[in-house]
Amino acid sequence: ATDAIDSLRRLANPAAAPALLELFDKFPYRKAAIMRALGATGATEAGPKLMKELEGDDIAAAARALGQLKYEPAFSAMLATLPRSKYKDIDFSRPSVPSEMAYRNRLEAMQGLALFARPDEKLVKELTVIIEDPADDFRLGEVAGAVLGQIADAGVYQLMLTKIMDANLDERIRTAYATGLWRKPNAEVSVQLMPLVKAADTPAAIKTAA
């Protein structure tokens, strides 16, 4: 049955949405697979059900399905989970068991937001804060850099390049921005990458990304 649901996801046929919504309520133990399939159908009517799952164990499937659907209420909901300031009792600078659930929620929210594929000003700001915050989880910084690359327009791409080329910034920060370079290459801006490739003192991870 799970294979059949996965096949429906690959077919991405909107006609499958009504049956998948019916299965959603009947088979809670297959929710993740059903949500992934619903995301592929483009059925925005599934949005309210998927929104509730952002608080559950299947947040990864829910966030990505909502991102695929570009369900607008989910954008602000997932964006609100990103700021480190929301998690006052958690020390993200040292990954641990207490921080892992919050880390996962923020991670999955970023992955879902990437699928909206738009350089929203507030989202760009939150991602840059995560990348440059020394008290935040370095793993989230790497993901934030990748997401920034996925949503980038020419302006955001230029911002990333400016940060990468700033030798005064910590190498970790520059490398996090560099992880987004190849996600959505920009032909017009890419000519500025050559100095990074040629310079002997360019960190290896940045040179590889460039």
Protein backbone atom coordinates (compact mmCIF):
# COMPACT_ATOMS: atom_id res chain seq x y z
CA ALA A 1 0.00 0.00 0.00
CA THR A 2 2.84 2.38 0.83
CA ASP A 3 4.44 1.59 -2.53
CA ALA A 4 1.14 2.45 -4.21
CA ILE A 5 1.02 5.80 -2.41
CA ASP A 6 4.61 6.51 -3.44
CA SER A 7 3.65 5.71 -7.02
CA LEU A 8 0.86 8.27 -6.80
CA ARG A 9 3.43 10.80 -5.64
CA ARG A 10 5.57 10.09 -8.68
CA LEU A 11 2.56 10.40 -11.00
CA ALA A 12 1.78 13.85 -9.50
CA ASN A 13 -1.77 13.69 -10.88
CA PRO A 14 -4.25 16.21 -9.37
CA ALA A 15 -7.01 13.62 -9.85
CA ALA A 16 -5.50 11.56 -7.02
CA ALA A 17 -6.08 14.29 -4.41
CA PRO A 18 -9.65 13.39 -3.27
CA ALA A 19 -8.75 9.75 -2.62
CA LEU A 20 -5.51 10.71 -0.87
CA LEU A 21 -7.40 13.09 1.41
CA GLU A 22 -9.76 10.26 2.30
CA LEU A 23 -6.82 7.95 3.03
CA PHE A 24 -5.23 10.64 5.19
CA ASP A 25 -7.97 10.27 7.80
CA LYS A 26 -8.30 6.49 7.54
CA PHE A 27 -4.63 5.50 7.79
CA PRO A 28 -2.76 7.78 10.22
CA TYR A 29 0.24 5.44 10.22
CA ARG A 30 0.76 6.22 6.51
CA LYS A 31 0.46 10.00 6.96
CA ALA A 32 4.00 10.84 5.86
CA ALA A 33 3.70 8.97 2.54
CA ILE A 34 0.22 10.41 1.94
CA MET A 35 1.42 13.95 2.64
CA ARG A 36 4.29 13.58 0.20
CA ALA A 37 1.84 12.39 -2.45
CA LEU A 38 -0.58 15.24 -1.70
CA GLY A 39 2.21 17.76 -2.15
CA ALA A 40 2.88 16.41 -5.63
CA THR A 41 -0.79 16.68 -6.68
CA GLY A 42 -0.95 20.46 -6.29
CA ALA A 43 -4.15 20.11 -4.25
CA THR A 44 -4.22 23.28 -2.14
CA GLU A 45 -7.40 22.03 -0.44
CA ALA A 46 -5.10 19.71 1.50
CA GLY A 47 -3.43 22.75 3.08
CA PRO A 48 -5.44 22.95 6.33
CA LYS A 49 -4.85 19.26 7.12
CA LEU A 50 -1.15 19.55 6.37
CA MET A 51 -0.80 22.69 8.50
CA LYS A 52 -1.86 20.74 11.59
CA GLU A 53 0.92 18.25 10.96
CA LEU A 54 3.60 20.94 11.30
CA GLU A 55 3.20 20.36 15.05
CA GLY A 56 3.48 16.58 14.78
CA ASP A 57 6.12 13.91 14.25
CA ASP A 58 5.84 14.07 10.45
CA ILE A 59 6.88 17.72 10.16
CA ALA A 60 9.35 16.91 7.36
CA ALA A 61 6.67 15.49 5.06
CA ALA A 62 4.19 18.22 6.01
CA ALA A 63 6.61 21.11 5.47
CA ARG A 64 7.76 19.85 2.10
CA ALA A 65 4.23 19.10 0.92
CA LEU A 66 3.10 22.59 1.92
CA GLY A 67 6.11 24.04 0.14
CA GLN A 68 5.29 22.10 -3.01
CA LEU A 69 1.69 23.30 -2.82
CA LYS A 70 2.91 26.86 -2.16
CA TYR A 71 0.15 27.07 0.42
CA GLU A 72 0.37 30.68 1.52
CA PRO A 73 -0.68 30.37 5.20
CA ALA A 74 2.14 27.86 5.69
CA PHE A 75 4.78 30.33 4.56
CA SER A 76 4.33 32.67 7.53
CA ALA A 77 3.84 29.75 9.92
CA MET A 78 7.13 28.13 8.95
CA LEU A 79 8.94 31.45 8.82
CA ALA A 80 7.91 32.07 12.43
CA THR A 81 9.73 28.90 13.56
CA LEU A 82 13.15 30.06 12.31
CA PRO A 83 14.36 32.75 14.77
CA ARG A 84 16.64 31.38 17.48
CA SER A 85 15.11 33.93 19.87
CA LYS A 86 11.91 31.89 19.90
CA TYR A 87 13.70 29.09 21.78
CA LYS A 88 14.83 30.92 24.91
CA ASP A 89 15.91 27.91 26.98
CA ILE A 90 17.89 26.14 24.28
CA ASP A 91 21.61 26.51 23.62
CA PHE A 92 22.01 25.88 19.89
CA SER A 93 25.75 26.58 19.93
CA ARG A 94 26.35 23.10 21.36
CA PRO A 95 24.12 20.52 19.65
CA SER A 96 22.63 18.19 22.26
CA VAL A 97 19.61 16.05 22.99
CA PRO A 98 17.54 18.98 24.37
CA SER A 99 18.21 21.08 21.27
CA GLU A 100 17.67 18.36 18.71
CA MET A 101 13.87 18.64 18.37
CA ALA A 102 14.01 22.41 17.95
CA TYR A 103 16.89 22.00 15.49
CA ARG A 104 14.83 19.54 13.46
CA ASN A 105 11.76 21.79 13.43
CA ARG A 106 13.79 24.73 12.17
CA LEU A 107 15.59 22.56 9.63
CA GLU A 108 12.38 21.14 8.15
CA ALA A 109 10.77 24.58 8.08
CA MET A 110 13.69 25.90 6.03
CA GLN A 111 13.45 22.98 3.61
CA GLY A 112 9.74 23.62 3.16
CA LEU A 113 10.24 27.35 2.65
CA ALA A 114 12.84 26.67 -0.03
CA LEU A 115 10.14 25.01 -2.15
CA PHE A 116 8.18 28.27 -2.32
CA ALA A 117 11.13 29.36 -4.49
CA ARG A 118 10.80 33.09 -3.85
CA PRO A 119 13.32 35.58 -2.42
CA ASP A 120 10.98 36.92 0.25
CA GLU A 121 12.69 39.79 2.09
CA LYS A 122 11.83 38.50 5.57
CA LEU A 123 12.99 34.99 4.74
CA VAL A 124 16.28 36.24 3.30
CA LYS A 125 16.86 38.26 6.49
CA GLU A 126 16.17 35.28 8.77
CA LEU A 127 18.46 33.03 6.75
CA THR A 128 21.33 35.51 6.86
CA VAL A 129 20.89 35.91 10.62
CA ILE A 130 21.08 32.12 11.08
CA ILE A 131 24.21 31.91 8.93
CA GLU A 132 26.04 34.69 10.77
CA ASP A 133 24.87 34.03 14.34
CA PRO A 134 27.83 32.53 16.27
CA ALA A 135 25.44 31.25 18.96
CA ASP A 136 23.34 29.24 16.51
CA ASP A 137 23.76 25.64 15.33
CA PHE A 138 26.41 25.55 12.59
CA ARG A 139 24.42 22.81 10.85
CA LEU A 140 21.49 25.19 10.42
CA GLY A 141 23.87 27.77 8.99
CA GLU A 142 24.89 25.36 6.25
CA VAL A 143 21.26 24.57 5.40
CA ALA A 144 20.36 28.27 5.46
CA GLY A 145 23.09 28.93 2.90
CA ALA A 146 21.75 26.19 0.64
CA VAL A 147 18.17 27.47 0.94
CA LEU A 148 19.34 31.01 0.19
CA GLY A 149 20.82 29.71 -3.05
CA GLN A 150 17.60 27.91 -3.95
CA ILE A 151 15.42 31.01 -3.57
CA ALA A 152 17.94 33.52 -4.93
CA ASP A 153 17.23 36.14 -7.56
CA ALA A 154 20.04 38.28 -8.97
CA GLY A 155 19.96 40.58 -5.92
CA VAL A 156 20.20 37.77 -3.38
CA TYR A 157 22.90 36.06 -5.42
CA GLN A 158 24.88 39.29 -5.37
CA LEU A 159 24.43 39.50 -1.59
CA MET A 160 25.80 35.99 -1.23
CA LEU A 161 28.82 36.82 -3.39
CA THR A 162 29.54 39.95 -1.36
CA LYS A 163 29.52 37.91 1.84
CA ILE A 164 31.67 35.14 0.36
CA MET A 165 34.29 37.60 -0.85
CA ASP A 166 34.49 39.42 2.49
CA ALA A 167 37.73 38.07 3.96
CA ASN A 168 36.89 39.74 7.28
CA LEU A 169 34.03 37.33 7.84
CA ASP A 170 34.63 34.02 9.60
CA GLU A 171 35.44 31.19 7.18
CA ARG A 172 32.47 29.20 8.51
CA ILE A 173 30.12 32.02 7.51
CA ARG A 174 31.67 32.45 4.07
CA THR A 175 31.49 28.70 3.47
CA ALA A 176 27.82 28.57 4.50
CA TYR A 177 26.99 31.21 1.91
CA ALA A 178 29.08 29.35 -0.65
CA THR A 179 26.95 26.20 -0.25
CA GLY A 180 24.16 28.08 -2.03
CA LEU A 181 26.18 29.15 -5.07
CA TRP A 182 25.54 26.09 -7.20
CA ARG A 183 21.92 25.57 -6.16
CA LYS A 184 20.61 28.10 -8.66
CA PRO A 185 23.48 29.42 -10.81
CA ASN A 186 23.15 32.94 -12.18
CA ALA A 187 24.96 33.40 -15.50
CA GLU A 188 25.14 37.18 -15.24
CA VAL A 189 26.66 37.24 -11.77
CA SER A 190 28.80 34.13 -12.11
CA VAL A 191 31.65 35.97 -13.85
CA GLN A 192 32.47 37.42 -10.43
CA LEU A 193 33.36 33.93 -9.21
CA MET A 194 36.63 33.78 -11.12
CA PRO A 195 38.69 35.65 -8.50
CA LEU A 196 37.58 33.07 -5.92
CA VAL A 197 38.68 30.24 -8.19
CA LYS A 198 42.04 31.83 -9.02
CA ALA A 199 43.06 33.12 -5.59
CA ALA A 200 45.49 30.85 -3.77
CA ASP A 201 44.14 31.86 -0.36
CA THR A 202 40.50 31.03 -1.09
CA PRO A 203 39.35 28.35 1.39
CA ALA A 204 38.94 24.97 -0.30
CA ALA A 205 35.19 24.64 0.39
CA ILE A 206 34.52 28.07 -1.12
CA LYS A 207 36.71 27.41 -4.16
CA THR A 208 34.93 24.11 -4.80
CA ALA A 209 31.51 25.76 -4.60
CA ALA A 210 32.63 28.57 -6.91
